C-alpha atoms as a PDB file:
ATOM      1  CA  GLY A   1     -67.196 -54.704  30.688  1.00  0.00           C
ATOM      2  CA  LYS A   2     -66.721 -54.748  26.937  1.00  0.00           C
ATOM      3  CA  PRO A   3     -69.774 -53.448  25.013  1.00  0.00           C
ATOM      4  CA  ASP A   4     -71.782 -56.037  23.138  1.00  0.00           C
ATOM      5  CA  PRO A   5     -71.815 -55.055  19.428  1.00  0.00           C
ATOM      6  CA  ARG A   6     -75.297 -56.570  19.236  1.00  0.00           C
ATOM      7  CA  ASP A   7     -76.587 -54.025  21.752  1.00  0.00           C
ATOM      8  CA  ALA A   8     -79.696 -52.515  20.150  1.00  0.00           C
ATOM      9  CA  ARG A   9     -78.808 -49.069  21.512  1.00  0.00           C
ATOM     10  CA  PHE A  10     -76.051 -48.735  18.948  1.00  0.00           C
ATOM     11  CA  LEU A  11     -78.683 -48.615  16.206  1.00  0.00           C
ATOM     12  CA  ASP A  12     -80.891 -46.189  18.131  1.00  0.00           C
ATOM     13  CA  GLY A  13     -80.502 -42.547  17.138  1.00  0.00           C
ATOM     14  CA  LYS A  14     -81.925 -41.456  20.479  1.00  0.00           C
ATOM     15  CA  PHE A  15     -79.044 -43.132  22.331  1.00  0.00           C
ATOM     16  CA  TRP A  16     -76.446 -41.225  20.310  1.00  0.00           C
ATOM     17  CA  ARG A  17     -78.357 -37.923  20.443  1.00  0.00           C
ATOM     18  CA  GLU A  18     -78.548 -38.078  24.226  1.00  0.00           C
ATOM     19  CA  LEU A  19     -74.879 -38.983  24.548  1.00  0.00           C
ATOM     20  CA  GLY A  20     -73.680 -36.355  22.091  1.00  0.00           C
ATOM     21  CA  GLY A  21     -76.020 -33.767  23.548  1.00  0.00           C
ATOM     22  CA  GLN A  22     -74.054 -33.882  26.793  1.00  0.00           C
ATOM     23  CA  ALA A  23     -71.109 -32.416  24.868  1.00  0.00           C
ATOM     24  CA  GLY A  24     -73.169 -30.136  22.635  1.00  0.00           C
ATOM     25  CA  LEU A  25     -72.995 -32.411  19.590  1.00  0.00           C
ATOM     26  CA  SER A  26     -75.805 -33.317  17.230  1.00  0.00           C
ATOM     27  CA  LEU A  27     -76.878 -36.247  15.089  1.00  0.00           C
ATOM     28  CA  LEU A  28     -78.405 -35.657  11.660  1.00  0.00           C
ATOM     29  CA  GLY A  29     -79.150 -32.110  12.676  1.00  0.00           C
ATOM     30  CA  ASP A  30     -78.862 -28.708  11.064  1.00  0.00           C
ATOM     31  CA  VAL A  31     -75.146 -28.048  11.608  1.00  0.00           C
ATOM     32  CA  PRO A  32     -73.704 -24.875  10.080  1.00  0.00           C
ATOM     33  CA  GLY A  33     -71.187 -25.695   7.387  1.00  0.00           C
ATOM     34  CA  VAL A  34     -67.792 -24.101   6.860  1.00  0.00           C
ATOM     35  CA  THR A  35     -68.403 -21.073   4.693  1.00  0.00           C
ATOM     36  CA  HIS A  36     -64.916 -19.528   4.612  1.00  0.00           C
ATOM     37  CA  LEU A  37     -61.490 -21.024   4.180  1.00  0.00           C
ATOM     38  CA  PRO A  38     -58.986 -20.088   6.895  1.00  0.00           C
ATOM     39  CA  LYS A  39     -56.461 -17.445   5.906  1.00  0.00           C
ATOM     40  CA  LEU A  40     -53.476 -19.676   5.280  1.00  0.00           C
ATOM     41  CA  ASP A  41     -50.553 -19.409   2.879  1.00  0.00           C
ATOM     42  CA  TYR A  42     -51.592 -22.354   0.745  1.00  0.00           C
ATOM     43  CA  GLU A  43     -48.742 -21.896  -1.717  1.00  0.00           C
ATOM     44  CA  ALA A  44     -46.183 -22.071   1.107  1.00  0.00           C
ATOM     45  CA  LEU A  45     -47.878 -25.188   2.468  1.00  0.00           C
ATOM     46  CA  ARG A  46     -47.746 -26.775  -0.992  1.00  0.00           C
ATOM     47  CA  ARG A  47     -44.005 -26.031  -1.262  1.00  0.00           C
ATOM     48  CA  ARG A  48     -43.337 -27.465   2.192  1.00  0.00           C
ATOM     49  CA  PHE A  49     -45.167 -30.652   1.319  1.00  0.00           C
ATOM     50  CA  ALA A  50     -43.126 -30.992  -1.875  1.00  0.00           C
ATOM     51  CA  VAL A  51     -39.842 -30.649   0.036  1.00  0.00           C
ATOM     52  CA  GLU A  52     -40.565 -32.455   3.298  1.00  0.00           C
ATOM     53  CA  GLY A  53     -43.445 -34.781   2.454  1.00  0.00           C
ATOM     54  CA  PHE A  54     -45.678 -33.403   5.203  1.00  0.00           C
ATOM     55  CA  LEU A  55     -47.134 -30.130   6.426  1.00  0.00           C
ATOM     56  CA  CYS A  56     -48.866 -28.779   9.505  1.00  0.00           C
ATOM     57  CA  THR A  57     -50.986 -25.736  10.129  1.00  0.00           C
ATOM     58  CA  THR A  58     -53.270 -24.061  12.628  1.00  0.00           C
ATOM     59  CA  SER A  59     -56.977 -24.705  13.081  1.00  0.00           C
ATOM     60  CA  VAL A  60     -59.008 -24.950   9.888  1.00  0.00           C
ATOM     61  CA  VAL A  61     -62.190 -23.939  11.726  1.00  0.00           C
ATOM     62  CA  PRO A  62     -61.284 -20.572  13.284  1.00  0.00           C
ATOM     63  CA  GLU A  63     -64.956 -19.496  13.228  1.00  0.00           C
ATOM     64  CA  ARG A  64     -65.840 -22.398  15.547  1.00  0.00           C
ATOM     65  CA  PRO A  65     -63.307 -22.081  18.407  1.00  0.00           C
ATOM     66  CA  ASP A  66     -65.286 -24.409  20.678  1.00  0.00           C
ATOM     67  CA  LEU A  67     -65.632 -27.239  18.159  1.00  0.00           C
ATOM     68  CA  LEU A  68     -62.488 -29.150  19.152  1.00  0.00           C
ATOM     69  CA  ASP A  69     -63.296 -28.759  22.860  1.00  0.00           C
ATOM     70  CA  ARG A  70     -66.742 -30.276  22.335  1.00  0.00           C
ATOM     71  CA  LEU A  71     -65.356 -33.176  20.338  1.00  0.00           C
ATOM     72  CA  HIS A  72     -62.768 -33.811  23.060  1.00  0.00           C
ATOM     73  CA  ALA A  73     -65.496 -33.763  25.715  1.00  0.00           C
ATOM     74  CA  ALA A  74     -67.510 -36.245  23.662  1.00  0.00           C
ATOM     75  CA  ALA A  75     -64.489 -38.542  23.305  1.00  0.00           C
ATOM     76  CA  LYS A  76     -64.196 -38.644  27.099  1.00  0.00           C
ATOM     77  CA  LEU A  77     -67.908 -39.360  27.449  1.00  0.00           C
ATOM     78  CA  LEU A  78     -67.574 -42.243  25.026  1.00  0.00           C
ATOM     79  CA  ARG A  79     -64.664 -43.765  26.886  1.00  0.00           C
ATOM     80  CA  ASN A  80     -66.457 -43.367  30.217  1.00  0.00           C
ATOM     81  CA  ARG A  81     -69.066 -45.709  28.712  1.00  0.00           C
ATOM     82  CA  ASN A  82     -66.319 -48.031  27.529  1.00  0.00           C
ATOM     83  CA  LEU A  83     -66.958 -47.031  23.910  1.00  0.00           C
ATOM     84  CA  ALA A  84     -64.081 -46.329  21.535  1.00  0.00           C
ATOM     85  CA  PRO A  85     -63.488 -42.631  20.727  1.00  0.00           C
ATOM     86  CA  VAL A  86     -63.819 -43.488  17.029  1.00  0.00           C
ATOM     87  CA  PHE A  87     -67.583 -43.312  17.616  1.00  0.00           C
ATOM     88  CA  LEU A  88     -67.099 -39.543  17.332  1.00  0.00           C
ATOM     89  CA  TYR A  89     -67.757 -40.111  13.640  1.00  0.00           C
ATOM     90  CA  VAL A  90     -71.401 -40.713  14.494  1.00  0.00           C
ATOM     91  CA  PHE A  91     -71.848 -36.985  15.138  1.00  0.00           C
ATOM     92  CA  ASP A  92     -72.368 -34.157  12.680  1.00  0.00           C
ATOM     93  CA  GLU A  93     -69.667 -31.917  14.119  1.00  0.00           C
ATOM     94  CA  THR A  94     -66.961 -34.474  13.396  1.00  0.00           C
ATOM     95  CA  TRP A  95     -67.908 -34.408   9.736  1.00  0.00           C
ATOM     96  CA  GLU A  96     -68.062 -30.618   9.814  1.00  0.00           C
ATOM     97  CA  LEU A  97     -64.405 -30.721  10.850  1.00  0.00           C
ATOM     98  CA  VAL A  98     -63.595 -33.314   8.192  1.00  0.00           C
ATOM     99  CA  MET A  99     -65.170 -31.138   5.502  1.00  0.00           C
ATOM    100  CA  ALA A 100     -63.225 -28.095   6.677  1.00  0.00           C
ATOM    101  CA  VAL A 101     -59.998 -30.085   6.376  1.00  0.00           C
ATOM    102  CA  TRP A 102     -61.183 -31.396   3.015  1.00  0.00           C
ATOM    103  CA  ARG A 103     -61.582 -27.879   1.618  1.00  0.00           C
ATOM    104  CA  SER A 104     -58.197 -26.812   2.954  1.00  0.00           C
ATOM    105  CA  ILE A 105     -56.423 -29.831   1.456  1.00  0.00           C
ATOM    106  CA  ALA A 106     -58.023 -29.078  -1.897  1.00  0.00           C
ATOM    107  CA  SER A 107     -56.657 -25.525  -1.707  1.00  0.00           C
ATOM    108  CA  VAL A 108     -53.167 -26.733  -0.760  1.00  0.00           C
ATOM    109  CA  PHE A 109     -52.953 -28.987  -3.814  1.00  0.00           C
ATOM    110  CA  GLY A 110     -54.781 -26.652  -6.177  1.00  0.00           C
ATOM    111  CA  VAL A 111     -57.783 -28.849  -6.929  1.00  0.00           C
ATOM    112  CA  SER A 112     -61.493 -28.539  -6.281  1.00  0.00           C
ATOM    113  CA  PRO A 113     -63.009 -30.335  -3.274  1.00  0.00           C
ATOM    114  CA  GLU A 114     -65.122 -32.373  -5.701  1.00  0.00           C
ATOM    115  CA  GLU A 115     -61.962 -33.978  -7.075  1.00  0.00           C
ATOM    116  CA  LEU A 116     -61.067 -35.496  -3.700  1.00  0.00           C
ATOM    117  CA  VAL A 117     -62.244 -38.907  -2.498  1.00  0.00           C
ATOM    118  CA  LEU A 118     -62.384 -40.073   1.117  1.00  0.00           C
ATOM    119  CA  GLU A 119     -60.381 -43.243   1.678  1.00  0.00           C
ATOM    120  CA  PRO A 120     -62.594 -44.769   4.398  1.00  0.00           C
ATOM    121  CA  SER A 121     -60.010 -45.416   7.105  1.00  0.00           C
ATOM    122  CA  VAL A 122     -60.815 -43.280  10.133  1.00  0.00           C
ATOM    123  CA  PHE A 123     -59.531 -43.534  13.676  1.00  0.00           C
ATOM    124  CA  GLY A 124     -59.971 -41.855  17.038  1.00  0.00           C
ATOM    125  CA  TYR A 125     -57.711 -42.036  20.082  1.00  0.00           C
ATOM    126  CA  LEU A 126     -57.857 -40.683  23.620  1.00  0.00           C
ATOM    127  CA  LEU A 127     -54.470 -41.102  25.243  1.00  0.00           C
ATOM    128  CA  ASP A 128     -53.542 -41.112  28.911  1.00  0.00           C
ATOM    129  CA  ARG A 129     -50.114 -40.075  30.094  1.00  0.00           C
ATOM    130  CA  PRO A 130     -48.757 -43.039  32.107  1.00  0.00           C
ATOM    131  CA  ASP A 131     -48.006 -42.481  35.754  1.00  0.00           C
ATOM    132  CA  ASP A 132     -44.672 -43.497  37.261  1.00  0.00           C
ATOM    133  CA  ALA A 133     -45.896 -46.986  38.092  1.00  0.00           C
ATOM    134  CA  GLN A 134     -47.143 -47.607  34.566  1.00  0.00           C
ATOM    135  CA  ALA A 135     -43.953 -46.222  33.061  1.00  0.00           C
ATOM    136  CA  LYS A 136     -41.987 -48.983  34.778  1.00  0.00           C
ATOM    137  CA  LEU A 137     -44.044 -51.714  33.134  1.00  0.00           C
ATOM    138  CA  ASP A 138     -42.807 -53.506  30.046  1.00  0.00           C
ATOM    139  CA  SER A 139     -43.857 -52.537  26.553  1.00  0.00           C
ATOM    140  CA  LYS A 140     -46.583 -55.177  26.358  1.00  0.00           C
ATOM    141  CA  ALA A 141     -48.366 -53.714  29.370  1.00  0.00           C
ATOM    142  CA  MET A 142     -48.152 -50.271  27.767  1.00  0.00           C
ATOM    143  CA  SER A 143     -49.562 -51.450  24.448  1.00  0.00           C
ATOM    144  CA  ARG A 144     -52.570 -49.891  22.780  1.00  0.00           C
ATOM    145  CA  HIS A 145     -54.714 -52.805  23.963  1.00  0.00           C
ATOM    146  CA  THR A 146     -54.452 -51.884  27.635  1.00  0.00           C
ATOM    147  CA  TYR A 147     -57.252 -49.310  27.576  1.00  0.00           C
ATOM    148  CA  VAL A 148     -60.073 -48.044  25.380  1.00  0.00           C
ATOM    149  CA  GLY A 149     -58.838 -45.241  23.139  1.00  0.00           C
ATOM    150  CA  GLY A 150     -55.190 -46.230  23.297  1.00  0.00           C
ATOM    151  CA  ASN A 151     -53.015 -46.102  20.194  1.00  0.00           C
ATOM    152  CA  PHE A 152     -49.822 -47.801  19.071  1.00  0.00           C
ATOM    153  CA  GLY A 153     -46.571 -45.902  19.376  1.00  0.00           C
ATOM    154  CA  VAL A 154     -44.689 -47.889  16.740  1.00  0.00           C
ATOM    155  CA  PRO A 155     -43.103 -46.408  13.589  1.00  0.00           C
ATOM    156  CA  HIS A 156     -45.000 -47.543  10.532  1.00  0.00           C
ATOM    157  CA  ARG A 157     -45.794 -46.658   6.927  1.00  0.00           C
ATOM    158  CA  ASP A 158     -49.471 -46.950   6.046  1.00  0.00           C
ATOM    159  CA  HIS A 159     -49.131 -47.229   2.281  1.00  0.00           C
ATOM    160  CA  THR A 160     -46.457 -47.781  -0.327  1.00  0.00           C
ATOM    161  CA  TYR A 161     -45.065 -44.944  -2.408  1.00  0.00           C
ATOM    162  CA  LEU A 162     -46.986 -46.246  -5.426  1.00  0.00           C
ATOM    163  CA  ASP A 163     -50.217 -46.002  -3.440  1.00  0.00           C
ATOM    164  CA  CYS A 164     -49.607 -42.338  -2.644  1.00  0.00           C
ATOM    165  CA  PHE A 165     -47.950 -40.812  -5.726  1.00  0.00           C
ATOM    166  CA  ASP A 166     -48.584 -40.909  -9.460  1.00  0.00           C
ATOM    167  CA  ASP A 167     -46.066 -41.410 -12.276  1.00  0.00           C
ATOM    168  CA  GLU A 168     -45.100 -37.724 -12.082  1.00  0.00           C
ATOM    169  CA  ASP A 169     -44.476 -37.890  -8.312  1.00  0.00           C
ATOM    170  CA  ARG A 170     -47.609 -35.899  -7.530  1.00  0.00           C
ATOM    171  CA  PRO A 171     -49.435 -36.923  -4.352  1.00  0.00           C
ATOM    172  CA  THR A 172     -52.599 -38.974  -4.785  1.00  0.00           C
ATOM    173  CA  MET A 173     -53.197 -39.762  -1.109  1.00  0.00           C
ATOM    174  CA  VAL A 174     -52.596 -37.919   2.154  1.00  0.00           C
ATOM    175  CA  SER A 175     -53.164 -38.834   5.789  1.00  0.00           C
ATOM    176  CA  VAL A 176     -54.497 -36.231   8.192  1.00  0.00           C
ATOM    177  CA  TRP A 177     -54.045 -36.028  11.967  1.00  0.00           C
ATOM    178  CA  ILE A 178     -56.255 -33.572  13.886  1.00  0.00           C
ATOM    179  CA  PRO A 179     -55.416 -33.110  17.585  1.00  0.00           C
ATOM    180  CA  LEU A 180     -58.425 -32.071  19.642  1.00  0.00           C
ATOM    181  CA  THR A 181     -56.279 -30.609  22.441  1.00  0.00           C
ATOM    182  CA  ASP A 182     -53.026 -28.694  22.735  1.00  0.00           C
ATOM    183  CA  VAL A 183     -50.144 -31.098  22.214  1.00  0.00           C
ATOM    184  CA  SER A 184     -46.454 -31.149  22.992  1.00  0.00           C
ATOM    185  CA  GLY A 185     -43.570 -33.370  21.959  1.00  0.00           C
ATOM    186  CA  ASP A 186     -44.092 -35.734  24.895  1.00  0.00           C
ATOM    187  CA  SER A 187     -47.883 -35.851  25.108  1.00  0.00           C
ATOM    188  CA  GLY A 188     -48.562 -38.505  22.496  1.00  0.00           C
ATOM    189  CA  CYS A 189     -48.446 -36.295  19.417  1.00  0.00           C
ATOM    190  CA  MET A 190     -47.861 -37.599  15.925  1.00  0.00           C
ATOM    191  CA  SER A 191     -44.264 -37.707  14.685  1.00  0.00           C
ATOM    192  CA  VAL A 192     -43.110 -37.999  11.069  1.00  0.00           C
ATOM    193  CA  VAL A 193     -39.846 -38.478   9.230  1.00  0.00           C
ATOM    194  CA  PRO A 194     -39.227 -35.812   6.550  1.00  0.00           C
ATOM    195  CA  LYS A 195     -38.770 -37.495   3.201  1.00  0.00           C
ATOM    196  CA  GLU A 196     -35.225 -36.141   2.827  1.00  0.00           C
ATOM    197  CA  PHE A 197     -34.239 -38.377   5.768  1.00  0.00           C
ATOM    198  CA  ASP A 198     -36.314 -41.341   4.639  1.00  0.00           C
ATOM    199  CA  LYS A 199     -33.940 -43.270   2.392  1.00  0.00           C
ATOM    200  CA  LEU A 200     -36.691 -45.696   1.390  1.00  0.00           C
ATOM    201  CA  PHE A 201     -39.322 -43.006   0.779  1.00  0.00           C
ATOM    202  CA  SER A 202     -39.802 -43.830  -2.893  1.00  0.00           C
ATOM    203  CA  GLU A 203     -38.084 -47.236  -2.925  1.00  0.00           C
ATOM    204  CA  HIS A 204     -41.293 -49.230  -3.065  1.00  0.00           C
ATOM    205  CA  ASP A 205     -39.460 -52.386  -4.156  1.00  0.00           C
ATOM    206  CA  ALA A 206     -37.133 -52.388  -1.153  1.00  0.00           C
ATOM    207  CA  PRO A 207     -37.942 -55.183   1.334  1.00  0.00           C
ATOM    208  CA  ALA A 208     -37.901 -52.685   4.233  1.00  0.00           C
ATOM    209  CA  HIS A 209     -40.022 -50.048   2.471  1.00  0.00           C
ATOM    210  CA  MET A 210     -43.088 -51.060   4.508  1.00  0.00           C
ATOM    211  CA  LEU A 211     -41.044 -52.073   7.546  1.00  0.00           C
ATOM    212  CA  PRO A 212     -39.639 -48.901   9.132  1.00  0.00           C
ATOM    213  CA  PHE A 213     -39.636 -50.715  12.464  1.00  0.00           C
ATOM    214  CA  ASP A 214     -38.557 -54.331  12.803  1.00  0.00           C
ATOM    215  CA  ALA A 215     -40.480 -55.754  15.743  1.00  0.00           C
ATOM    216  CA  SER A 216     -38.347 -58.891  15.869  1.00  0.00           C
ATOM    217  CA  SER A 217     -35.096 -56.968  16.349  1.00  0.00           C
ATOM    218  CA  GLY A 218     -36.545 -53.843  17.923  1.00  0.00           C
ATOM    219  CA  GLU A 219     -34.600 -51.683  15.465  1.00  0.00           C
ATOM    220  CA  THR A 220     -35.710 -48.946  13.086  1.00  0.00           C
ATOM    221  CA  ASN A 221     -34.788 -48.814   9.413  1.00  0.00           C
ATOM    222  CA  PHE A 222     -34.400 -45.041   9.501  1.00  0.00           C
ATOM    223  CA  ASP A 223     -32.581 -42.455  11.590  1.00  0.00           C
ATOM    224  CA  LEU A 224     -34.812 -42.061  14.625  1.00  0.00           C
ATOM    225  CA  ALA A 225     -33.181 -38.705  15.377  1.00  0.00           C
ATOM    226  CA  ALA A 226     -34.668 -37.374  12.130  1.00  0.00           C
ATOM    227  CA  ALA A 227     -38.259 -37.817  13.345  1.00  0.00           C
ATOM    228  CA  VAL A 228     -40.148 -34.541  13.794  1.00  0.00           C
ATOM    229  CA  ALA A 229     -42.890 -34.145  16.383  1.00  0.00           C
ATOM    230  CA  LEU A 230     -45.925 -32.308  14.994  1.00  0.00           C
ATOM    231  CA  ALA A 231     -46.017 -30.049  18.033  1.00  0.00           C
ATOM    232  CA  PRO A 232     -46.654 -27.629  19.507  1.00  0.00           C
ATOM    233  CA  LEU A 233     -50.060 -27.172  17.901  1.00  0.00           C
END
């Protein structure tokens, strides 16, 4: 059944150490930090972001090739206990990955890591590919609420343009998606609309600016064909 949030185990470090230990993760331990930035063309990534409004790249932790596998294993352990995968953020290795991304983002935008601030909205999903029987169900049955770790496959804009850019159109906020497994265009990967095809990208006053998908009509307010799957990665 559904876990009781009052369960005392959730405040017990031993509980989380034993669970994470099964996947080789630690809690408040001595985890090696990221000492070297990956060899990426940060200038090219900066230019792509300026033109398209998004960017994607390879692993930012090449010196820890098993890190994503261990985090994925831990996500499955969590769900097997009916705990949401977002509890990955309890473990040190998750924050090691976050800090590696942090350093890379700073390099892309030409600032120091100390100038960045974490906007405390973090998520974790563990998706299942529906079988043929599930695929025939209606959209409500396939919603994110049908299983622990599910997400919501609905086009949306998290923040307004004013929230994410300054008066000189420089980015002040970015969202980051980190897949823990190999992904393809039909395996639940993230998709984005390049800003050149997003007519309301900077039109923060437009009524549909924060409504790329109209649930009442079932229609999108952008060209769905312009969406780009962030895959393969």
